[in-house]
Structures are given as structure tokens and as C-alpha cells.
């Protein structure tokens, strides 16, 4: 799976749809793989006839919360969704910004990881 650029500038006038949740779950899996963490099942094939329920939203937020293993800027996840609560732009921003913050720091560390742990011997005059 490849990282999909998240939308992090949601406003009250934006509409959240199936493709947005597919992106969130895809990116959750990408970050989980980077960390080597197992997460609950994913749904990546939502379409416009798909319906989300509170238990699904709690699972999504719980998966993202499980990835919060490093000290970064983080907004607490909402894992107490109740039936009938709509997703608003604040929820959308929370999901995507938390994932983006994790991905950004992990991607930077992976780029420099190949330089760590190298052994350099010789080259000096005794």
C-alpha cells in the first residue's frame, strides 16, 4: 500500500464521503506497517452506498490511537462514537492530521535509517 496524501484543511462546508474513509484506513495501514504494529481489520472498499456505523468509527479511531507510540503533536482520538452522530470537519481533520504527523516523522526516520549503524574502520594513522 502506498501513502495517499491526506486532506487536512476540512471546513464546515466540506462533505465527507466513502473515499475519504478509505484514504484514512489506507494511511492507517501504511503507518502501522512502518511501525510494525498490528491493527484491527480494515475496510478499504467503501463506495457511495456504504454506511458507517458507530462501531466502525470506533474501530477506525482505535486503530489510529494504537499507532500513537511516539511523542508527537497529537489530538486525542474519539473512541466513544454513538449511533446517529455525524462526522464533522473537526473529526475529519483529527483523523487525517494525526496520521500525517505520524507518517511525516516516521518517513524522515526511515530515510536516515540506512546511515545508522554503519561500521567505519581504519583510515587513521597510528
Protein backbone atom coordinates (compact mmCIF):
# COMPACT_ATOMS: atom_id res chain seq x y z
CA UNK A 1 0.00 0.00 0.00
CA UNK A 2 1.15 3.48 -0.75
CA UNK A 3 0.60 6.60 1.32
CA UNK A 4 -2.24 8.73 -0.05
CA UNK A 5 -1.90 12.46 0.55
CA UNK A 6 -4.46 13.34 3.24
CA UNK A 7 -6.82 16.28 3.21
CA UNK A 8 -6.02 18.31 6.33
CA UNK A 9 -7.94 21.50 5.66
CA UNK A 10 -11.52 20.37 6.18
CA UNK A 11 -14.09 23.11 6.74
CA UNK A 12 -17.72 23.05 7.82
CA UNK A 13 -18.71 23.38 4.15
CA UNK A 14 -16.90 20.20 3.03
CA UNK A 15 -18.61 16.84 2.56
CA UNK A 16 -17.03 13.71 4.00
CA UNK A 17 -17.57 10.59 1.91
CA UNK A 18 -16.65 6.93 1.46
CA UNK A 19 -13.42 7.70 -0.40
CA UNK A 20 -12.23 9.85 2.49
CA UNK A 21 -12.61 7.00 4.98
CA UNK A 22 -10.93 4.61 2.53
CA UNK A 23 -7.96 7.01 2.43
CA UNK A 24 -7.85 7.23 6.24
CA UNK A 25 -7.85 3.44 6.62
CA UNK A 26 -5.25 3.02 3.85
CA UNK A 27 -2.96 5.54 5.56
CA UNK A 28 -3.57 3.88 8.93
CA UNK A 29 -2.30 0.62 7.45
CA UNK A 30 0.74 2.34 5.92
CA UNK A 31 1.73 3.84 9.30
CA UNK A 32 1.03 0.57 11.13
CA UNK A 33 3.34 -1.26 8.72
CA UNK A 34 6.05 1.37 9.23
CA UNK A 35 5.80 0.83 12.99
CA UNK A 36 5.39 -2.95 12.78
CA UNK A 37 2.11 -2.76 14.70
CA UNK A 38 -0.90 -4.99 14.10
CA UNK A 39 -4.25 -3.25 13.92
CA UNK A 40 -7.87 -4.37 13.69
CA UNK A 41 -9.41 -5.23 10.37
CA UNK A 42 -9.58 -2.57 7.69
CA UNK A 43 -12.24 -1.62 5.18
CA UNK A 44 -10.75 -0.18 2.02
CA UNK A 45 -13.54 -0.70 -0.50
CA UNK A 46 -16.28 1.65 0.63
CA UNK A 47 -18.48 3.15 -2.05
CA UNK A 48 -21.31 5.63 -2.11
CA UNK A 49 -23.83 3.01 -1.00
CA UNK A 50 -21.74 2.10 2.09
CA UNK A 51 -22.96 3.13 5.51
CA UNK A 52 -20.75 3.71 8.51
CA UNK A 53 -21.90 2.83 11.98
CA UNK A 54 -20.58 3.88 15.37
CA UNK A 55 -18.73 0.60 15.92
CA UNK A 56 -16.86 1.08 12.63
CA UNK A 57 -15.87 4.64 13.52
CA UNK A 58 -14.73 3.46 16.96
CA UNK A 59 -12.61 0.76 15.28
CA UNK A 60 -11.02 3.31 12.89
CA UNK A 61 -10.21 5.73 15.70
CA UNK A 62 -8.98 2.89 17.93
CA UNK A 63 -6.61 1.74 15.18
CA UNK A 64 -5.18 5.23 14.86
CA UNK A 65 -4.90 5.56 18.65
CA UNK A 66 -2.91 2.30 18.73
CA UNK A 67 -0.33 3.96 16.47
CA UNK A 68 0.36 6.76 18.95
CA UNK A 69 3.56 5.23 20.29
CA UNK A 70 5.88 8.20 19.84
CA UNK A 71 5.70 11.63 21.42
CA UNK A 72 4.38 13.92 18.70
CA UNK A 73 1.74 16.60 18.34
CA UNK A 74 -1.48 14.63 18.78
CA UNK A 75 -5.19 15.27 19.14
CA UNK A 76 -6.93 12.69 21.32
CA UNK A 77 -8.94 10.23 19.28
CA UNK A 78 -12.70 9.85 19.77
CA UNK A 79 -13.41 6.19 20.53
CA UNK A 80 -16.87 6.63 22.02
CA UNK A 81 -18.98 7.20 18.91
CA UNK A 82 -22.71 6.68 19.42
CA UNK A 83 -25.28 5.77 16.79
CA UNK A 84 -26.50 8.78 14.85
CA UNK A 85 -23.52 11.06 15.50
CA UNK A 86 -22.38 12.64 12.22
CA UNK A 87 -18.74 13.08 11.26
CA UNK A 88 -17.94 16.76 11.11
CA UNK A 89 -14.94 18.65 9.76
CA UNK A 90 -13.21 18.62 13.16
CA UNK A 91 -13.37 14.82 13.23
CA UNK A 92 -12.05 14.62 9.67
CA UNK A 93 -9.14 16.93 10.47
CA UNK A 94 -8.30 14.97 13.64
CA UNK A 95 -8.09 11.66 11.78
CA UNK A 96 -6.00 12.96 8.92
CA UNK A 97 -3.69 15.31 10.83
CA UNK A 98 -2.79 12.68 13.43
CA UNK A 99 -1.92 10.22 10.66
CA UNK A 100 0.02 12.85 8.73
CA UNK A 101 2.06 13.83 11.80
CA UNK A 102 2.96 10.18 12.43
CA UNK A 103 3.79 9.50 8.81
CA UNK A 104 5.95 12.61 8.46
CA UNK A 105 8.19 11.77 11.41
CA UNK A 106 8.42 8.08 10.51
CA UNK A 107 9.22 8.78 6.85
CA UNK A 108 12.05 11.12 7.88
CA UNK A 109 13.47 8.48 10.22
CA UNK A 110 13.27 5.74 7.61
CA UNK A 111 15.25 7.90 5.15
CA UNK A 112 18.12 8.29 7.60
CA UNK A 113 17.96 4.76 9.00
CA UNK A 114 20.23 3.43 6.26
CA UNK A 115 23.01 5.68 7.56
CA UNK A 116 22.77 4.48 11.14
CA UNK A 117 24.72 1.56 12.50
CA UNK A 118 27.47 1.59 9.92
CA UNK A 119 30.92 0.46 10.99
CA UNK A 120 33.84 2.55 9.82
CA UNK A 121 37.26 1.04 10.42
CA UNK A 122 40.75 2.09 9.50
CA UNK A 123 41.82 5.16 7.69
CA UNK A 124 43.70 6.52 10.66
CA UNK A 125 47.42 6.67 11.26
CA UNK A 126 48.65 5.08 14.42
